[in-house]
Structures are given as structure tokens and as C-alpha cells.
Amino acid sequence: MSQSNDPEVIRTLLTTPARWAVVGLSNNPRRAALGVSRFLIDHLGMEVIPVSLKGDEVHGRTGYRRLDDIPGTIDVVDCFVNSSKVGAVVDQAIEVGAKAVWLQLGVIDEAAAARAASAGLAVVMDTCPAIEAPRLGL
């Protein structure tokens, strides 16, 4: 069974103030994560927590190397990582008690999506908040 994105889940995630851990977020202007995370902050009012291999600070926010290094709760784990590596990130999201995982445009892992859904997380896959928000009139 393939994952389908529920428009109501997407709307809820994009309109509910939340802490988004953005995995793969660095200061590299050539990476989509930088602009999308700015969109989450400026247009949707989300709190963004950068997560990357180096744990870089981005947008003036403290960065972390792993989801389990982040203090407090995580609502959404936004995954800007290669499809072949996203399963491990999804598993971390489940372990830390995140409420949702959002696999970015081009990031597809049906098995990881199924594990997240089975664990009770909302799942969005192969799309982007900066695409979905305007489509939903947000």
C-alpha cells in the first residue's frame, strides 16, 4: 500500500503552531532546506530547530546533530535527507515521540512511512510545505 497525503493532515500541520525539527538544515544557500525553513518561520509562524551532521546554528537558532539531542518536545520532523537515509531519521522521530514526519519533495520511503503511521505519527511524503501552503490558500 502506498502512502497518500491527506489534505486535512497537511492543513493541520501547516496551521497549528508547532516545533519543527528540520533535518538536513544548514546555511548552504543552494539547499532547499534553508529557504523552506525560512518559509516555515516567516509565513507559517513555526519554531524551527536545525538538525544536521555538524549541528550548525541556522536562522539564529541552535542546531543539533540528532533528534534525541533536542530538549523538549518535537511536533514535526521535516526530512531533507536522501530517500536511502530517511528511514533512520523516521525511526529517530518515532523514538523521540514526534507527532508527525514530513518527507520532503523527492524523499520517498514507503516502509519508513508505514512504520511512522503504525507508531501513530501523521505522515506526509514527497511534497513541501512551501508548495502545499499556497495550494491550500494559507
N, C-alpha and C. Protein backbone atom coordinates (compact mmCIF):
# COMPACT_ATOMS: atom_id res chain seq x y z
N MET A 1 0.84 -1.19 0.00
CA MET A 1 0.00 0.00 0.00
C MET A 1 0.88 1.24 0.00
N SER A 2 0.57 2.17 -0.84
CA SER A 2 1.42 3.35 -0.92
C SER A 2 0.81 4.48 -0.10
N GLN A 3 1.70 5.28 0.44
CA GLN A 3 1.32 6.41 1.30
C GLN A 3 0.63 7.47 0.45
N SER A 4 -0.52 7.94 0.90
CA SER A 4 -1.14 9.08 0.22
C SER A 4 -1.26 10.21 1.23
N ASN A 5 -1.06 11.41 0.76
CA ASN A 5 -1.08 12.56 1.63
C ASN A 5 -2.50 13.06 1.82
N ASP A 6 -2.93 13.09 3.06
CA ASP A 6 -4.27 13.54 3.42
C ASP A 6 -4.26 15.07 3.50
N PRO A 7 -5.06 15.75 2.65
CA PRO A 7 -5.08 17.21 2.67
C PRO A 7 -5.41 17.80 4.05
N GLU A 8 -6.25 17.12 4.83
CA GLU A 8 -6.59 17.63 6.16
C GLU A 8 -5.40 17.52 7.12
N VAL A 9 -4.61 16.45 7.00
CA VAL A 9 -3.40 16.31 7.81
C VAL A 9 -2.43 17.43 7.45
N ILE A 10 -2.26 17.66 6.16
CA ILE A 10 -1.35 18.73 5.70
C ILE A 10 -1.82 20.08 6.23
N ARG A 11 -3.11 20.36 6.10
CA ARG A 11 -3.66 21.64 6.58
C ARG A 11 -3.42 21.79 8.09
N THR A 12 -3.69 20.74 8.85
CA THR A 12 -3.49 20.79 10.30
C THR A 12 -2.03 21.05 10.64
N LEU A 13 -1.12 20.34 9.98
CA LEU A 13 0.31 20.53 10.27
C LEU A 13 0.77 21.95 9.93
N LEU A 14 0.23 22.51 8.87
CA LEU A 14 0.68 23.84 8.43
C LEU A 14 0.00 24.99 9.16
N THR A 15 -1.09 24.72 9.87
CA THR A 15 -1.81 25.80 10.55
C THR A 15 -1.74 25.72 12.06
N THR A 16 -1.15 24.68 12.60
CA THR A 16 -1.03 24.53 14.05
C THR A 16 0.37 24.95 14.49
N PRO A 17 0.48 25.99 15.34
CA PRO A 17 1.82 26.39 15.80
C PRO A 17 2.55 25.19 16.40
N ALA A 18 3.80 25.00 15.97
CA ALA A 18 4.50 23.77 16.36
C ALA A 18 6.01 23.95 16.29
N ARG A 19 6.72 23.00 16.91
CA ARG A 19 8.19 22.91 16.82
C ARG A 19 8.53 21.93 15.72
N TRP A 20 9.18 22.44 14.68
CA TRP A 20 9.60 21.63 13.55
C TRP A 20 11.11 21.40 13.63
N ALA A 21 11.53 20.16 13.74
CA ALA A 21 12.94 19.81 13.64
C ALA A 21 13.20 19.58 12.15
N VAL A 22 14.05 20.42 11.57
CA VAL A 22 14.32 20.33 10.13
C VAL A 22 15.66 19.62 9.95
N VAL A 23 15.59 18.35 9.53
CA VAL A 23 16.77 17.50 9.40
C VAL A 23 17.39 17.71 8.03
N GLY A 24 18.67 18.07 8.05
CA GLY A 24 19.37 18.39 6.81
C GLY A 24 19.46 19.89 6.59
N LEU A 25 19.14 20.67 7.62
CA LEU A 25 19.16 22.13 7.52
C LEU A 25 20.55 22.67 7.85
N SER A 26 21.13 23.36 6.87
CA SER A 26 22.41 24.03 7.07
C SER A 26 22.29 25.44 6.49
N ASN A 27 23.38 26.18 6.53
CA ASN A 27 23.38 27.54 5.98
C ASN A 27 23.71 27.58 4.49
N ASN A 28 23.76 26.43 3.83
CA ASN A 28 24.08 26.37 2.41
C ASN A 28 22.91 26.92 1.60
N PRO A 29 23.11 28.08 0.93
CA PRO A 29 22.00 28.70 0.20
C PRO A 29 21.56 27.88 -1.01
N ARG A 30 22.35 26.90 -1.44
CA ARG A 30 21.96 26.07 -2.58
C ARG A 30 21.04 24.93 -2.17
N ARG A 31 20.83 24.76 -0.88
CA ARG A 31 19.97 23.68 -0.40
C ARG A 31 18.57 24.22 -0.13
N ALA A 32 17.57 23.48 -0.57
CA ALA A 32 16.17 23.91 -0.41
C ALA A 32 15.78 24.09 1.06
N ALA A 33 16.41 23.33 1.94
CA ALA A 33 16.03 23.39 3.36
C ALA A 33 16.14 24.80 3.93
N LEU A 34 17.12 25.57 3.48
CA LEU A 34 17.31 26.92 4.02
C LEU A 34 16.10 27.81 3.72
N GLY A 35 15.65 27.83 2.48
CA GLY A 35 14.50 28.64 2.11
C GLY A 35 13.19 28.13 2.68
N VAL A 36 13.03 26.81 2.69
CA VAL A 36 11.78 26.24 3.21
C VAL A 36 11.67 26.49 4.72
N SER A 37 12.79 26.36 5.43
CA SER A 37 12.74 26.62 6.87
C SER A 37 12.42 28.09 7.16
N ARG A 38 12.94 28.99 6.34
CA ARG A 38 12.61 30.42 6.47
C ARG A 38 11.12 30.62 6.22
N PHE A 39 10.55 29.92 5.24
CA PHE A 39 9.12 29.98 4.96
C PHE A 39 8.31 29.50 6.17
N LEU A 40 8.75 28.41 6.79
CA LEU A 40 8.06 27.89 7.97
C LEU A 40 8.02 28.94 9.08
N ILE A 41 9.13 29.64 9.26
CA ILE A 41 9.24 30.65 10.31
C ILE A 41 8.42 31.90 9.95
N ASP A 42 8.71 32.47 8.78
CA ASP A 42 8.14 33.77 8.41
C ASP A 42 6.67 33.72 8.01
N HIS A 43 6.26 32.68 7.30
CA HIS A 43 4.90 32.64 6.76
C HIS A 43 3.94 31.78 7.59
N LEU A 44 4.49 30.75 8.25
CA LEU A 44 3.60 29.86 8.99
C LEU A 44 3.76 29.97 10.50
N GLY A 45 4.75 30.76 10.96
CA GLY A 45 4.90 31.01 12.39
C GLY A 45 5.41 29.82 13.20
N MET A 46 6.12 28.93 12.53
CA MET A 46 6.61 27.74 13.23
C MET A 46 7.94 28.03 13.93
N GLU A 47 8.21 27.26 14.98
CA GLU A 47 9.53 27.26 15.61
C GLU A 47 10.35 26.21 14.86
N VAL A 48 11.51 26.62 14.34
CA VAL A 48 12.35 25.70 13.58
C VAL A 48 13.60 25.37 14.38
N ILE A 49 13.91 24.08 14.44
CA ILE A 49 15.11 23.59 15.11
C ILE A 49 15.99 22.92 14.06
N PRO A 50 17.17 23.49 13.77
CA PRO A 50 18.05 22.89 12.77
C PRO A 50 18.69 21.59 13.27
N VAL A 51 18.70 20.58 12.41
CA VAL A 51 19.36 19.31 12.71
C VAL A 51 20.23 18.96 11.51
N SER A 52 21.53 18.78 11.76
CA SER A 52 22.45 18.42 10.68
C SER A 52 23.64 17.67 11.26
N LEU A 53 24.42 17.08 10.37
CA LEU A 53 25.59 16.32 10.83
C LEU A 53 26.54 17.18 11.66
N LYS A 54 26.63 18.48 11.30
CA LYS A 54 27.53 19.38 12.03
C LYS A 54 26.84 20.08 13.20
N GLY A 55 25.51 20.05 13.24
CA GLY A 55 24.78 20.74 14.30
C GLY A 55 24.89 22.24 14.21
N ASP A 56 24.95 22.76 12.96
CA ASP A 56 25.11 24.19 12.74
C ASP A 56 23.93 25.02 13.24
N GLU A 57 24.25 26.22 13.73
CA GLU A 57 23.21 27.21 14.03
C GLU A 57 22.73 27.77 12.70
N VAL A 58 21.40 27.87 12.53
CA VAL A 58 20.81 28.40 11.30
C VAL A 58 19.67 29.33 11.70
N HIS A 59 19.53 30.44 11.00
CA HIS A 59 18.49 31.44 11.29
C HIS A 59 18.58 31.89 12.75
N GLY A 60 19.78 31.90 13.33
CA GLY A 60 19.95 32.33 14.71
C GLY A 60 19.45 31.33 15.73
N ARG A 61 19.14 30.12 15.28
CA ARG A 61 18.63 29.09 16.18
C ARG A 61 19.68 28.01 16.41
N THR A 62 19.78 27.54 17.63
CA THR A 62 20.75 26.50 17.98
C THR A 62 20.49 25.25 17.16
N GLY A 63 21.57 24.69 16.61
CA GLY A 63 21.47 23.46 15.84
C GLY A 63 21.85 22.25 16.67
N TYR A 64 21.38 21.11 16.24
CA TYR A 64 21.64 19.84 16.91
C TYR A 64 22.07 18.80 15.89
N ARG A 65 22.78 17.77 16.36
CA ARG A 65 23.23 16.70 15.46
C ARG A 65 22.22 15.58 15.33
N ARG A 66 21.43 15.37 16.36
CA ARG A 66 20.44 14.28 16.36
C ARG A 66 19.15 14.76 17.00
N LEU A 67 18.06 14.12 16.62
CA LEU A 67 16.77 14.48 17.21
C LEU A 67 16.76 14.29 18.71
N ASP A 68 17.43 13.24 19.20
CA ASP A 68 17.39 12.99 20.64
C ASP A 68 18.28 13.93 21.44
N ASP A 69 19.01 14.83 20.76
CA ASP A 69 19.78 15.88 21.44
C ASP A 69 18.91 17.11 21.73
N ILE A 70 17.75 17.20 21.10
CA ILE A 70 16.89 18.38 21.21
C ILE A 70 16.10 18.32 22.51
N PRO A 71 16.23 19.37 23.36
CA PRO A 71 15.43 19.39 24.59
C PRO A 71 13.96 19.66 24.29
N GLY A 72 13.09 19.09 25.08
CA GLY A 72 11.67 19.36 24.91
C GLY A 72 11.03 18.50 23.83
N THR A 73 9.80 18.83 23.51
CA THR A 73 9.05 18.04 22.54
C THR A 73 9.32 18.50 21.11
N ILE A 74 9.12 17.57 20.20
CA ILE A 74 9.22 17.86 18.77
C ILE A 74 7.87 17.49 18.17
N ASP A 75 7.28 18.43 17.47
CA ASP A 75 5.98 18.16 16.87
C ASP A 75 6.12 17.52 15.49
N VAL A 76 6.93 18.14 14.63
CA VAL A 76 7.08 17.66 13.25
C VAL A 76 8.57 17.50 12.95
N VAL A 77 8.93 16.37 12.35
CA VAL A 77 10.29 16.16 11.86
C VAL A 77 10.23 16.28 10.34
N ASP A 78 10.83 17.35 9.83
CA ASP A 78 10.83 17.67 8.40
C ASP A 78 12.15 17.15 7.82
N CYS A 79 12.06 16.21 6.89
CA CYS A 79 13.24 15.45 6.43
C CYS A 79 13.75 15.89 5.07
N PHE A 80 14.87 16.61 5.07
CA PHE A 80 15.58 16.98 3.85
C PHE A 80 16.80 16.07 3.73
N VAL A 81 16.59 14.79 3.65
CA VAL A 81 17.70 13.84 3.51
C VAL A 81 17.37 12.89 2.36
N ASN A 82 18.39 12.25 1.84
CA ASN A 82 18.23 11.30 0.76
C ASN A 82 17.27 10.19 1.15
N SER A 83 16.47 9.75 0.20
CA SER A 83 15.50 8.67 0.47
C SER A 83 16.15 7.45 1.09
N SER A 84 17.39 7.14 0.70
CA SER A 84 18.07 5.95 1.23
C SER A 84 18.45 6.11 2.69
N LYS A 85 18.45 7.34 3.19
CA LYS A 85 18.84 7.60 4.59
C LYS A 85 17.68 8.02 5.47
N VAL A 86 16.52 8.27 4.89
CA VAL A 86 15.43 8.84 5.67
C VAL A 86 14.83 7.85 6.65
N GLY A 87 14.93 6.57 6.40
CA GLY A 87 14.37 5.58 7.31
C GLY A 87 14.92 5.71 8.71
N ALA A 88 16.23 5.95 8.82
CA ALA A 88 16.86 6.11 10.14
C ALA A 88 16.33 7.36 10.84
N VAL A 89 16.08 8.42 10.08
CA VAL A 89 15.55 9.66 10.66
C VAL A 89 14.12 9.43 11.14
N VAL A 90 13.34 8.73 10.35
CA VAL A 90 11.96 8.43 10.74
C VAL A 90 11.96 7.59 12.02
N ASP A 91 12.86 6.62 12.10
CA ASP A 91 12.94 5.80 13.31
C ASP A 91 13.30 6.64 14.53
N GLN A 92 14.21 7.61 14.35
CA GLN A 92 14.55 8.53 15.45
C GLN A 92 13.32 9.35 15.84
N ALA A 93 12.57 9.80 14.84
CA ALA A 93 11.36 10.60 15.11
C ALA A 93 10.38 9.80 15.96
N ILE A 94 10.22 8.53 15.63
CA ILE A 94 9.33 7.66 16.41
C ILE A 94 9.87 7.54 17.84
N GLU A 95 11.17 7.31 17.96
CA GLU A 95 11.80 7.12 19.28
C GLU A 95 11.65 8.33 20.19
N VAL A 96 11.76 9.54 19.62
CA VAL A 96 11.68 10.75 20.45
C VAL A 96 10.25 11.21 20.69
N GLY A 97 9.28 10.53 20.11
CA GLY A 97 7.88 10.87 20.36
C GLY A 97 7.35 12.01 19.52
N ALA A 98 7.94 12.24 18.35
CA ALA A 98 7.40 13.28 17.46
C ALA A 98 5.97 12.94 17.08
N LYS A 99 5.21 13.97 16.74
CA LYS A 99 3.81 13.75 16.38
C LYS A 99 3.63 13.51 14.88
N ALA A 100 4.62 13.95 14.08
CA ALA A 100 4.49 13.83 12.63
C ALA A 100 5.87 13.79 11.97
N VAL A 101 5.91 13.17 10.80
CA VAL A 101 7.10 13.25 9.94
C VAL A 101 6.65 13.79 8.60
N TRP A 102 7.48 14.68 8.05
CA TRP A 102 7.20 15.27 6.74
C TRP A 102 8.43 14.97 5.89
N LEU A 103 8.25 14.09 4.89
CA LEU A 103 9.33 13.76 3.97
C LEU A 103 9.22 14.68 2.78
N GLN A 104 10.27 15.43 2.54
CA GLN A 104 10.24 16.48 1.54
C GLN A 104 10.08 15.96 0.12
N LEU A 105 9.88 16.90 -0.79
CA LEU A 105 9.73 16.60 -2.21
C LEU A 105 10.88 15.71 -2.68
N GLY A 106 10.56 14.58 -3.26
CA GLY A 106 11.58 13.65 -3.75
C GLY A 106 12.09 12.68 -2.71
N VAL A 107 11.68 12.84 -1.46
CA VAL A 107 12.11 11.92 -0.39
C VAL A 107 10.99 10.91 -0.18
N ILE A 108 11.27 9.67 -0.58
CA ILE A 108 10.24 8.64 -0.56
C ILE A 108 10.79 7.37 0.08
N ASP A 109 10.10 6.89 1.10
CA ASP A 109 10.42 5.61 1.73
C ASP A 109 9.12 5.06 2.29
N GLU A 110 8.49 4.20 1.49
CA GLU A 110 7.17 3.65 1.86
C GLU A 110 7.24 2.88 3.18
N ALA A 111 8.31 2.10 3.39
CA ALA A 111 8.43 1.30 4.61
C ALA A 111 8.55 2.20 5.83
N ALA A 112 9.36 3.26 5.73
CA ALA A 112 9.52 4.19 6.85
C ALA A 112 8.20 4.90 7.13
N ALA A 113 7.49 5.30 6.08
CA ALA A 113 6.19 5.96 6.24
C ALA A 113 5.22 5.02 6.96
N ALA A 114 5.25 3.75 6.59
CA ALA A 114 4.36 2.77 7.22
C ALA A 114 4.72 2.59 8.69
N ARG A 115 6.02 2.55 9.01
CA ARG A 115 6.44 2.42 10.42
C ARG A 115 5.96 3.62 11.22
N ALA A 116 6.10 4.82 10.66
CA ALA A 116 5.67 6.03 11.37
C ALA A 116 4.16 6.01 11.59
N ALA A 117 3.42 5.67 10.55
CA ALA A 117 1.95 5.63 10.67
C ALA A 117 1.53 4.59 11.71
N SER A 118 2.19 3.43 11.70
CA SER A 118 1.88 2.38 12.68
C SER A 118 2.16 2.83 14.10
N ALA A 119 3.15 3.72 14.25
CA ALA A 119 3.51 4.23 15.57
C ALA A 119 2.62 5.41 15.99
N GLY A 120 1.66 5.78 15.12
CA GLY A 120 0.72 6.83 15.46
C GLY A 120 1.11 8.23 15.01
N LEU A 121 2.17 8.35 14.20
CA LEU A 121 2.57 9.66 13.71
C LEU A 121 1.79 10.01 12.44
N ALA A 122 1.49 11.28 12.27
CA ALA A 122 0.96 11.75 11.00
C ALA A 122 2.12 11.70 10.00
N VAL A 123 1.82 11.35 8.75
CA VAL A 123 2.88 11.20 7.75
C VAL A 123 2.51 11.97 6.49
N VAL A 124 3.46 12.79 6.03
CA VAL A 124 3.34 13.46 4.74
C VAL A 124 4.62 13.12 3.98
N MET A 125 4.48 12.75 2.70
CA MET A 125 5.65 12.31 1.94
C MET A 125 5.65 12.87 0.54
N ASP A 126 6.86 13.23 0.07
CA ASP A 126 7.10 13.65 -1.30
C ASP A 126 6.38 14.95 -1.67
N THR A 127 6.39 15.90 -0.73
CA THR A 127 5.89 17.24 -1.04
C THR A 127 6.54 18.22 -0.07
N CYS A 128 6.23 19.48 -0.23
CA CYS A 128 6.91 20.54 0.53
C CYS A 128 5.90 21.51 1.12
N PRO A 129 6.14 21.97 2.37
CA PRO A 129 5.23 22.97 2.95
C PRO A 129 5.09 24.22 2.09
N ALA A 130 6.17 24.63 1.42
CA ALA A 130 6.13 25.85 0.60
C ALA A 130 5.33 25.65 -0.68
N ILE A 131 5.04 24.41 -1.04
CA ILE A 131 4.15 24.10 -2.16
C ILE A 131 2.72 23.94 -1.65
N GLU A 132 2.58 23.22 -0.55
CA GLU A 132 1.25 22.89 -0.03
C GLU A 132 0.53 24.10 0.57
N ALA A 133 1.25 24.97 1.27
CA ALA A 133 0.58 26.11 1.91
C ALA A 133 -0.16 26.98 0.89
N PRO A 134 0.52 27.41 -0.21
CA PRO A 134 -0.21 28.22 -1.19
C PRO A 134 -1.36 27.45 -1.85
N ARG A 135 -1.15 26.14 -2.07
CA ARG A 135 -2.19 25.32 -2.69
C ARG A 135 -3.43 25.30 -1.80
N LEU A 136 -3.22 25.35 -0.48
CA LEU A 136 -4.34 25.34 0.47
C LEU A 136 -4.81 26.74 0.83
N GLY A 137 -4.23 27.75 0.19
CA GLY A 137 -4.62 29.12 0.45
C GLY A 137 -4.14 29.66 1.78
N LEU A 138 -3.04 29.11 2.28
CA LEU A 138 -2.51 29.55 3.58
C LEU A 138 -1.49 30.66 3.41
